[in-house]
Amino acid sequence: MGNPVLHRRKDASAEHDPFEVDTLVRSDAPAGGEGKNWYRYVIKQGTNKIVGYKQGTQKAVREELDEIVIHLNERRVGKFGRVHLTPRPRQPKA
């Protein structure tokens, strides 16, 4: 599989835009890729873009991309449901 490429813009106004799947189109295999059923995708956040390739059915690739977008947006706004543990000194055994 090809590696995604991230293009960044210089101003930070895109920080407030969520990630979303911009395009998903059938494609030839990327350099080093083999087989059939390749798709080229673009995930965008403002003018920032992540471009990559995935292999599979269109439905399966779209589901994977939707999961990626969910995780990118969770990372962007912070993690929810995490437990913040505070270490305490160990008590000596009796």
PDB file of N, CA and C in Angstrom:
ATOM      1  N   MET A   1       0.833  -1.173   0.000  1.00  0.00           N
ATOM      2  CA  MET A   1       0.000   0.000   0.000  1.00  0.00           C
ATOM      3  C   MET A   1       0.880   1.239   0.000  1.00  0.00           C
ATOM      4  N   GLY A   2       0.398   2.278  -0.634  1.00  0.00           N
ATOM      5  CA  GLY A   2       1.142   3.528  -0.659  1.00  0.00           C
ATOM      6  C   GLY A   2       1.029   4.246   0.664  1.00  0.00           C
ATOM      7  N   ASN A   3       1.999   5.054   0.943  1.00  0.00           N
ATOM      8  CA  ASN A   3       1.977   5.828   2.178  1.00  0.00           C
ATOM      9  C   ASN A   3       1.195   7.107   1.954  1.00  0.00           C
ATOM     10  N   PRO A   4       0.338   7.500   2.903  1.00  0.00           N
ATOM     11  CA  PRO A   4      -0.367   8.760   2.763  1.00  0.00           C
ATOM     12  C   PRO A   4       0.615   9.926   2.803  1.00  0.00           C
ATOM     13  N   VAL A   5       0.268  10.988   2.110  1.00  0.00           N
ATOM     14  CA  VAL A   5       1.089  12.189   2.076  1.00  0.00           C
ATOM     15  C   VAL A   5       0.267  13.303   2.692  1.00  0.00           C
ATOM     16  N   LEU A   6       0.849  14.031   3.621  1.00  0.00           N
ATOM     17  CA  LEU A   6       0.154  15.123   4.289  1.00  0.00           C
ATOM     18  C   LEU A   6       0.663  16.437   3.733  1.00  0.00           C
ATOM     19  N   HIS A   7      -0.265  17.273   3.265  1.00  0.00           N
ATOM     20  CA  HIS A   7       0.087  18.602   2.784  1.00  0.00           C
ATOM     21  C   HIS A   7      -0.450  19.597   3.809  1.00  0.00           C
ATOM     22  N   ARG A   8       0.422  20.451   4.331  1.00  0.00           N
ATOM     23  CA  ARG A   8       0.004  21.403   5.355  1.00  0.00           C
ATOM     24  C   ARG A   8       0.029  22.817   4.811  1.00  0.00           C
ATOM     25  N   ARG A   9      -0.917  23.601   5.247  1.00  0.00           N
ATOM     26  CA  ARG A   9      -0.883  25.010   4.894  1.00  0.00           C
ATOM     27  C   ARG A   9      -0.276  25.788   6.048  1.00  0.00           C
ATOM     28  N   LYS A  10       0.102  27.035   5.795  1.00  0.00           N
ATOM     29  CA  LYS A  10       0.845  27.779   6.810  1.00  0.00           C
ATOM     30  C   LYS A  10      -0.029  28.415   7.877  1.00  0.00           C
ATOM     31  N   ASP A  11      -1.261  28.869   7.554  1.00  0.00           N
ATOM     32  CA  ASP A  11      -2.048  29.484   8.618  1.00  0.00           C
ATOM     33  C   ASP A  11      -2.798  28.414   9.386  1.00  0.00           C
ATOM     34  N   ALA A  12      -3.169  28.732  10.606  1.00  0.00           N
ATOM     35  CA  ALA A  12      -3.717  27.722  11.507  1.00  0.00           C
ATOM     36  C   ALA A  12      -5.241  27.733  11.565  1.00  0.00           C
ATOM     37  N   SER A  13      -5.928  28.447  10.655  1.00  0.00           N
ATOM     38  CA  SER A  13      -7.383  28.526  10.750  1.00  0.00           C
ATOM     39  C   SER A  13      -8.048  27.178  10.503  1.00  0.00           C
ATOM     40  N   ALA A  14      -7.373  26.240   9.860  1.00  0.00           N
ATOM     41  CA  ALA A  14      -7.943  24.913   9.616  1.00  0.00           C
ATOM     42  C   ALA A  14      -8.037  24.093  10.895  1.00  0.00           C
ATOM     43  N   GLU A  15      -7.419  24.542  11.967  1.00  0.00           N
ATOM     44  CA  GLU A  15      -7.454  23.786  13.217  1.00  0.00           C
ATOM     45  C   GLU A  15      -8.875  23.564  13.701  1.00  0.00           C
ATOM     46  N   HIS A  16      -9.808  24.422  13.302  1.00  0.00           N
ATOM     47  CA  HIS A  16     -11.188  24.307  13.753  1.00  0.00           C
ATOM     48  C   HIS A  16     -12.037  23.471  12.811  1.00  0.00           C
ATOM     49  N   ASP A  17     -11.525  23.143  11.635  1.00  0.00           N
ATOM     50  CA  ASP A  17     -12.257  22.333  10.668  1.00  0.00           C
ATOM     51  C   ASP A  17     -12.082  20.859  10.989  1.00  0.00           C
ATOM     52  N   PRO A  18     -13.155  20.072  10.909  1.00  0.00           N
ATOM     53  CA  PRO A  18     -13.009  18.635  11.130  1.00  0.00           C
ATOM     54  C   PRO A  18     -12.398  17.949   9.912  1.00  0.00           C
ATOM     55  N   PHE A  19     -11.820  16.784  10.134  1.00  0.00           N
ATOM     56  CA  PHE A  19     -11.359  15.951   9.033  1.00  0.00           C
ATOM     57  C   PHE A  19     -12.589  15.350   8.368  1.00  0.00           C
ATOM     58  N   GLU A  20     -12.526  15.165   7.042  1.00  0.00           N
ATOM     59  CA  GLU A  20     -13.600  14.506   6.311  1.00  0.00           C
ATOM     60  C   GLU A  20     -13.048  13.891   5.040  1.00  0.00           C
ATOM     61  N   VAL A  21     -13.717  12.834   4.564  1.00  0.00           N
ATOM     62  CA  VAL A  21     -13.317  12.217   3.303  1.00  0.00           C
ATOM     63  C   VAL A  21     -13.742  13.166   2.193  1.00  0.00           C
ATOM     64  N   ASP A  22     -12.783  13.590   1.388  1.00  0.00           N
ATOM     65  CA  ASP A  22     -13.058  14.522   0.293  1.00  0.00           C
ATOM     66  C   ASP A  22     -13.332  13.760  -0.996  1.00  0.00           C
ATOM     67  N   THR A  23     -12.443  12.849  -1.359  1.00  0.00           N
ATOM     68  CA  THR A  23     -12.641  12.071  -2.577  1.00  0.00           C
ATOM     69  C   THR A  23     -12.242  10.620  -2.362  1.00  0.00           C
ATOM     70  N   LEU A  24     -12.890   9.752  -3.101  1.00  0.00           N
ATOM     71  CA  LEU A  24     -12.572   8.324  -3.131  1.00  0.00           C
ATOM     72  C   LEU A  24     -12.841   7.877  -4.562  1.00  0.00           C
ATOM     73  N   VAL A  25     -11.768   7.570  -5.305  1.00  0.00           N
ATOM     74  CA  VAL A  25     -11.912   7.184  -6.708  1.00  0.00           C
ATOM     75  C   VAL A  25     -11.108   5.932  -6.996  1.00  0.00           C
ATOM     76  N   ARG A  26     -11.629   5.117  -7.893  1.00  0.00           N
ATOM     77  CA  ARG A  26     -10.931   3.905  -8.325  1.00  0.00           C
ATOM     78  C   ARG A  26      -9.619   4.319  -8.970  1.00  0.00           C
ATOM     79  N   SER A  27      -8.568   3.530  -8.761  1.00  0.00           N
ATOM     80  CA  SER A  27      -7.238   3.904  -9.212  1.00  0.00           C
ATOM     81  C   SER A  27      -6.446   2.671  -9.615  1.00  0.00           C
ATOM     82  N   ASP A  28      -5.384   2.898 -10.375  1.00  0.00           N
ATOM     83  CA  ASP A  28      -4.400   1.844 -10.602  1.00  0.00           C
ATOM     84  C   ASP A  28      -3.640   1.641  -9.294  1.00  0.00           C
ATOM     85  N   ALA A  29      -2.958   0.520  -9.194  1.00  0.00           N
ATOM     86  CA  ALA A  29      -2.153   0.255  -7.997  1.00  0.00           C
ATOM     87  C   ALA A  29      -1.070   1.325  -7.865  1.00  0.00           C
ATOM     88  N   PRO A  30      -0.787   1.771  -6.644  1.00  0.00           N
ATOM     89  CA  PRO A  30       0.294   2.740  -6.457  1.00  0.00           C
ATOM     90  C   PRO A  30       1.644   2.067  -6.695  1.00  0.00           C
ATOM     91  N   ALA A  31       2.689   2.863  -6.795  1.00  0.00           N
ATOM     92  CA  ALA A  31       4.039   2.315  -6.971  1.00  0.00           C
ATOM     93  C   ALA A  31       4.311   1.300  -5.872  1.00  0.00           C
ATOM     94  N   GLY A  32       4.709   0.097  -6.261  1.00  0.00           N
ATOM     95  CA  GLY A  32       4.998  -0.957  -5.299  1.00  0.00           C
ATOM     96  C   GLY A  32       3.777  -1.775  -4.909  1.00  0.00           C
ATOM     97  N   GLY A  33       2.602  -1.346  -5.343  1.00  0.00           N
ATOM     98  CA  GLY A  33       1.379  -2.075  -5.022  1.00  0.00           C
ATOM     99  C   GLY A  33       1.074  -3.107  -6.097  1.00  0.00           C
ATOM    100  N   GLU A  34       0.386  -4.149  -5.714  1.00  0.00           N
ATOM    101  CA  GLU A  34       0.022  -5.206  -6.651  1.00  0.00           C
ATOM    102  C   GLU A  34      -1.461  -5.502  -6.516  1.00  0.00           C
ATOM    103  N   GLY A  35      -1.999  -6.164  -7.498  1.00  0.00           N
ATOM    104  CA  GLY A  35      -3.380  -6.603  -7.426  1.00  0.00           C
ATOM    105  C   GLY A  35      -4.351  -5.589  -7.989  1.00  0.00           C
ATOM    106  N   LYS A  36      -5.624  -5.879  -7.756  1.00  0.00           N
ATOM    107  CA  LYS A  36      -6.705  -5.056  -8.291  1.00  0.00           C
ATOM    108  C   LYS A  36      -7.471  -4.387  -7.157  1.00  0.00           C
ATOM    109  N   ASN A  37      -8.481  -3.643  -7.546  1.00  0.00           N
ATOM    110  CA  ASN A  37      -9.394  -2.971  -6.610  1.00  0.00           C
ATOM    111  C   ASN A  37      -8.693  -1.939  -5.730  1.00  0.00           C
ATOM    112  N   TRP A  38      -7.944  -1.050  -6.335  1.00  0.00           N
ATOM    113  CA  TRP A  38      -7.291   0.031  -5.608  1.00  0.00           C
ATOM    114  C   TRP A  38      -8.133   1.293  -5.697  1.00  0.00           C
ATOM    115  N   TYR A  39      -8.109   2.049  -4.619  1.00  0.00           N
ATOM    116  CA  TYR A  39      -8.792   3.337  -4.562  1.00  0.00           C
ATOM    117  C   TYR A  39      -7.827   4.395  -4.043  1.00  0.00           C
ATOM    118  N   ARG A  40      -7.902   5.560  -4.663  1.00  0.00           N
ATOM    119  CA  ARG A  40      -7.123   6.725  -4.206  1.00  0.00           C
ATOM    120  C   ARG A  40      -8.087   7.580  -3.390  1.00  0.00           C
ATOM    121  N   TYR A  41      -7.634   8.020  -2.227  1.00  0.00           N
ATOM    122  CA  TYR A  41      -8.510   8.827  -1.379  1.00  0.00           C
ATOM    123  C   TYR A  41      -7.823  10.118  -0.979  1.00  0.00           C
ATOM    124  N   VAL A  42      -8.654  11.088  -0.644  1.00  0.00           N
ATOM    125  CA  VAL A  42      -8.181  12.354  -0.081  1.00  0.00           C
ATOM    126  C   VAL A  42      -9.033  12.624   1.145  1.00  0.00           C
ATOM    127  N   ILE A  43      -8.371  12.786   2.276  1.00  0.00           N
ATOM    128  CA  ILE A  43      -9.029  13.226   3.506  1.00  0.00           C
ATOM    129  C   ILE A  43      -8.590  14.662   3.701  1.00  0.00           C
ATOM    130  N   LYS A  44      -9.559  15.544   3.941  1.00  0.00           N
ATOM    131  CA  LYS A  44      -9.183  16.949   4.088  1.00  0.00           C
ATOM    132  C   LYS A  44      -9.593  17.487   5.450  1.00  0.00           C
ATOM    133  N   GLN A  45      -8.860  18.535   5.831  1.00  0.00           N
ATOM    134  CA  GLN A  45      -9.179  19.325   7.013  1.00  0.00           C
ATOM    135  C   GLN A  45      -8.851  20.751   6.603  1.00  0.00           C
ATOM    136  N   GLY A  46      -9.861  21.549   6.269  1.00  0.00           N
ATOM    137  CA  GLY A  46      -9.598  22.865   5.698  1.00  0.00           C
ATOM    138  C   GLY A  46      -8.882  22.674   4.374  1.00  0.00           C
ATOM    139  N   THR A  47      -7.712  23.285   4.226  1.00  0.00           N
ATOM    140  CA  THR A  47      -6.933  23.079   3.003  1.00  0.00           C
ATOM    141  C   THR A  47      -5.843  22.032   3.188  1.00  0.00           C
ATOM    142  N   ASN A  48      -5.735  21.464   4.376  1.00  0.00           N
ATOM    143  CA  ASN A  48      -4.800  20.356   4.603  1.00  0.00           C
ATOM    144  C   ASN A  48      -5.370  19.106   3.956  1.00  0.00           C
ATOM    145  N   LYS A  49      -4.504  18.294   3.361  1.00  0.00           N
ATOM    146  CA  LYS A  49      -4.970  17.081   2.694  1.00  0.00           C
ATOM    147  C   LYS A  49      -4.077  15.902   3.023  1.00  0.00           C
ATOM    148  N   ILE A  50      -4.691  14.753   3.210  1.00  0.00           N
ATOM    149  CA  ILE A  50      -3.992  13.488   3.342  1.00  0.00           C
ATOM    150  C   ILE A  50      -4.407  12.674   2.117  1.00  0.00           C
ATOM    151  N   VAL A  51      -3.424  12.278   1.313  1.00  0.00           N
ATOM    152  CA  VAL A  51      -3.684  11.531   0.088  1.00  0.00           C
ATOM    153  C   VAL A  51      -3.089  10.141   0.254  1.00  0.00           C
ATOM    154  N   GLY A  52      -3.859   9.113  -0.072  1.00  0.00           N
ATOM    155  CA  GLY A  52      -3.353   7.760   0.061  1.00  0.00           C
ATOM    156  C   GLY A  52      -4.101   6.791  -0.824  1.00  0.00           C
ATOM    157  N   TYR A  53      -3.732   5.525  -0.720  1.00  0.00           N
ATOM    158  CA  TYR A  53      -4.328   4.447  -1.503  1.00  0.00           C
ATOM    159  C   TYR A  53      -4.717   3.313  -0.569  1.00  0.00           C
ATOM    160  N   LYS A  54      -5.845   2.678  -0.870  1.00  0.00           N
ATOM    161  CA  LYS A  54      -6.280   1.494  -0.140  1.00  0.00           C
ATOM    162  C   LYS A  54      -6.819   0.493  -1.149  1.00  0.00           C
ATOM    163  N   GLN A  55      -6.670  -0.773  -0.814  1.00  0.00           N
ATOM    164  CA  GLN A  55      -7.132  -1.842  -1.676  1.00  0.00           C
ATOM    165  C   GLN A  55      -8.326  -2.528  -1.044  1.00  0.00           C
ATOM    166  N   GLY A  56      -9.335  -2.853  -1.843  1.00  0.00           N
ATOM    167  CA  GLY A  56     -10.506  -3.560  -1.357  1.00  0.00           C
ATOM    168  C   GLY A  56     -11.726  -3.144  -2.145  1.00  0.00           C
ATOM    169  N   THR A  57     -12.884  -3.558  -1.656  1.00  0.00           N
ATOM    170  CA  THR A  57     -14.119  -3.118  -2.298  1.00  0.00           C
ATOM    171  C   THR A  57     -14.356  -1.657  -1.928  1.00  0.00           C
ATOM    172  N   GLN A  58     -15.142  -0.979  -2.746  1.00  0.00           N
ATOM    173  CA  GLN A  58     -15.405   0.432  -2.453  1.00  0.00           C
ATOM    174  C   GLN A  58     -16.069   0.583  -1.088  1.00  0.00           C
ATOM    175  N   LYS A  59     -16.984  -0.316  -0.768  1.00  0.00           N
ATOM    176  CA  LYS A  59     -17.679  -0.251   0.519  1.00  0.00           C
ATOM    177  C   LYS A  59     -16.702  -0.444   1.679  1.00  0.00           C
ATOM    178  N   ALA A  60     -15.823  -1.456   1.579  1.00  0.00           N
ATOM    179  CA  ALA A  60     -14.865  -1.722   2.657  1.00  0.00           C
ATOM    180  C   ALA A  60     -13.881  -0.572   2.822  1.00  0.00           C
ATOM    181  N   VAL A  61     -13.410  -0.026   1.711  1.00  0.00           N
ATOM    182  CA  VAL A  61     -12.471   1.102   1.777  1.00  0.00           C
ATOM    183  C   VAL A  61     -13.154   2.307   2.405  1.00  0.00           C
ATOM    184  N   ARG A  62     -14.393   2.576   2.008  1.00  0.00           N
ATOM    185  CA  ARG A  62     -15.126   3.720   2.569  1.00  0.00           C
ATOM    186  C   ARG A  62     -15.314   3.549   4.075  1.00  0.00           C
ATOM    187  N   GLU A  63     -15.638   2.330   4.521  1.00  0.00           N
ATOM    188  CA  GLU A  63     -15.804   2.084   5.956  1.00  0.00           C
ATOM    189  C   GLU A  63     -14.497   2.314   6.706  1.00  0.00           C
ATOM    190  N   GLU A  64     -13.372   1.867   6.129  1.00  0.00           N
ATOM    191  CA  GLU A  64     -12.064   2.095   6.758  1.00  0.00           C
ATOM    192  C   GLU A  64     -11.757   3.586   6.843  1.00  0.00           C
ATOM    193  N   LEU A  65     -12.036   4.314   5.767  1.00  0.00           N
ATOM    194  CA  LEU A  65     -11.773   5.753   5.764  1.00  0.00           C
ATOM    195  C   LEU A  65     -12.638   6.476   6.789  1.00  0.00           C
ATOM    196  N   ASP A  66     -13.897   6.058   6.906  1.00  0.00           N
ATOM    197  CA  ASP A  66     -14.768   6.678   7.913  1.00  0.00           C
ATOM    198  C   ASP A  66     -14.209   6.465   9.317  1.00  0.00           C
ATOM    199  N   GLU A  67     -13.664   5.269   9.589  1.00  0.00           N
ATOM    200  CA  GLU A  67     -13.041   4.992  10.893  1.00  0.00           C
ATOM    201  C   GLU A  67     -11.804   5.867  11.104  1.00  0.00           C
ATOM    202  N   ILE A  68     -10.988   6.012  10.064  1.00  0.00           N
ATOM    203  CA  ILE A  68      -9.788   6.856  10.151  1.00  0.00           C
ATOM    204  C   ILE A  68     -10.192   8.283  10.478  1.00  0.00           C
ATOM    205  N   VAL A  69     -11.217   8.795   9.799  1.00  0.00           N
ATOM    206  CA  VAL A  69     -11.673  10.170  10.024  1.00  0.00           C
ATOM    207  C   VAL A  69     -12.176  10.335  11.458  1.00  0.00           C
ATOM    208  N   ILE A  70     -12.901   9.357  11.958  1.00  0.00           N
ATOM    209  CA  ILE A  70     -13.378   9.427  13.343  1.00  0.00           C
ATOM    210  C   ILE A  70     -12.189   9.536  14.300  1.00  0.00           C
ATOM    211  N   HIS A  71     -11.178   8.696  14.099  1.00  0.00           N
ATOM    212  CA  HIS A  71     -10.011   8.718  14.987  1.00  0.00           C
ATOM    213  C   HIS A  71      -9.213  10.008  14.850  1.00  0.00           C
ATOM    214  N   LEU A  72      -9.069  10.517  13.647  1.00  0.00           N
ATOM    215  CA  LEU A  72      -8.357  11.790  13.455  1.00  0.00           C
ATOM    216  C   LEU A  72      -9.082  12.917  14.179  1.00  0.00           C
ATOM    217  N   ASN A  73     -10.398  12.948  14.090  1.00  0.00           N
ATOM    218  CA  ASN A  73     -11.158  13.999  14.764  1.00  0.00           C
ATOM    219  C   ASN A  73     -11.124  13.845  16.279  1.00  0.00           C
ATOM    220  N   GLU A  74     -11.119  12.603  16.770  1.00  0.00           N
ATOM    221  CA  GLU A  74     -10.984  12.395  18.211  1.00  0.00           C
ATOM    222  C   GLU A  74      -9.635  12.891  18.705  1.00  0.00           C
ATOM    223  N   ARG A  75      -8.574  12.604  17.947  1.00  0.00           N
ATOM    224  CA  ARG A  75      -7.232  13.072  18.334  1.00  0.00           C
ATOM    225  C   ARG A  75      -7.167  14.587  18.313  1.00  0.00           C
ATOM    226  N   ARG A  76      -7.846  15.182  17.346  1.00  0.00           N
ATOM    227  CA  ARG A  76      -7.797  16.636  17.169  1.00  0.00           C
ATOM    228  C   ARG A  76      -8.430  17.361  18.343  1.00  0.00           C
ATOM    229  N   VAL A  77      -9.520  16.823  18.878  1.00  0.00           N
ATOM    230  CA  VAL A  77     -10.225  17.509  19.963  1.00  0.00           C
ATOM    231  C   VAL A  77      -9.906  16.932  21.328  1.00  0.00           C
ATOM    232  N   GLY A  78      -9.103  15.912  21.378  1.00  0.00           N
ATOM    233  CA  GLY A  78      -8.752  15.303  22.656  1.00  0.00           C
ATOM    234  C   GLY A  78      -9.426  13.962  22.782  1.00  0.00           C
ATOM    235  N   LYS A  79      -8.890  13.151  23.619  1.00  0.00           N
ATOM    236  CA  LYS A  79      -9.403  11.800  23.793  1.00  0.00           C
ATOM    237  C   LYS A  79     -10.515  11.809  24.831  1.00  0.00           C
ATOM    238  N   PHE A  80     -11.571  11.067  24.533  1.00  0.00           N
ATOM    239  CA  PHE A  80     -12.691  10.977  25.456  1.00  0.00           C
ATOM    240  C   PHE A  80     -12.671   9.617  26.132  1.00  0.00           C
ATOM    241  N   GLY A  81     -13.148   9.591  27.350  1.00  0.00           N
ATOM    242  CA  GLY A  81     -13.284   8.334  28.056  1.00  0.00           C
ATOM    243  C   GLY A  81     -11.979   7.765  28.590  1.00  0.00           C
ATOM    244  N   ARG A  82     -10.929   8.545  28.585  1.00  0.00           N
ATOM    245  CA  ARG A  82      -9.671   8.046  29.121  1.00  0.00           C
ATOM    246  C   ARG A  82      -9.666   8.186  30.629  1.00  0.00           C
ATOM    247  N   VAL A  83      -9.083   7.256  31.281  1.00  0.00           N
ATOM    248  CA  VAL A  83      -8.936   7.291  32.728  1.00  0.00           C
ATOM    249  C   VAL A  83      -7.575   7.899  33.032  1.00  0.00           C
ATOM    250  N   HIS A  84      -7.565   8.912  33.860  1.00  0.00           N
ATOM    251  CA  HIS A  84      -6.304   9.542  34.247  1.00  0.00           C
ATOM    252  C   HIS A  84      -5.900   8.978  35.602  1.00  0.00           C
ATOM    253  N   LEU A  85      -4.926   8.106  35.580  1.00  0.00           N
ATOM    254  CA  LEU A  85      -4.469   7.472  36.808  1.00  0.00           C
ATOM    255  C   LEU A  85      -3.361   8.296  37.443  1.00  0.00           C
ATOM    256  N   THR A  86      -3.420   8.395  38.746  1.00  0.00           N
ATOM    257  CA  THR A  86      -2.378   9.095  39.477  1.00  0.00           C
ATOM    258  C   THR A  86      -1.611   8.058  40.281  1.00  0.00           C
ATOM    259  N   PRO A  87      -0.323   7.886  40.007  1.00  0.00           N
ATOM    260  CA  PRO A  87       0.435   6.884  40.750  1.00  0.00           C
ATOM    261  C   PRO A  87       0.551   7.271  42.226  1.00  0.00           C
ATOM    262  N   ARG A  88       0.425   6.284  43.080  1.00  0.00           N
ATOM    263  CA  ARG A  88       0.596   6.497  44.523  1.00  0.00           C
ATOM    264  C   ARG A  88       1.757   5.637  44.984  1.00  0.00           C
ATOM    265  N   PRO A  89       2.430   6.058  46.018  1.00  0.00           N
ATOM    266  CA  PRO A  89       3.507   5.220  46.542  1.00  0.00           C
ATOM    267  C   PRO A  89       2.951   3.889  47.008  1.00  0.00           C
ATOM    268  N   ARG A  90       3.725   2.847  46.820  1.00  0.00           N
ATOM    269  CA  ARG A  90       3.314   1.519  47.259  1.00  0.00           C
ATOM    270  C   ARG A  90       3.318   1.447  48.776  1.00  0.00           C
ATOM    271  N   GLN A  91       2.315   0.749  49.279  1.00  0.00           N
ATOM    272  CA  GLN A  91       2.237   0.537  50.727  1.00  0.00           C
ATOM    273  C   GLN A  91       3.100  -0.679  51.063  1.00  0.00           C
ATOM    274  N   PRO A  92       3.867  -0.601  52.119  1.00  0.00           N
ATOM    275  CA  PRO A  92       4.673  -1.779  52.494  1.00  0.00           C
ATOM    276  C   PRO A  92       3.763  -2.940  52.854  1.00  0.00           C
ATOM    277  N   LYS A  93       4.223  -4.149  52.485  1.00  0.00           N
ATOM    278  CA  LYS A  93       3.436  -5.342  52.796  1.00  0.00           C
ATOM    279  C   LYS A  93       3.509  -5.626  54.293  1.00  0.00           C
ATOM    280  N   ALA A  94       2.395  -6.031  54.850  1.00  0.00           N
ATOM    281  CA  ALA A  94       2.332  -6.271  56.289  1.00  0.00           C
ATOM    282  C   ALA A  94       2.899  -7.601  56.673  1.00  0.00           C
TER     283      ALA A  94
END
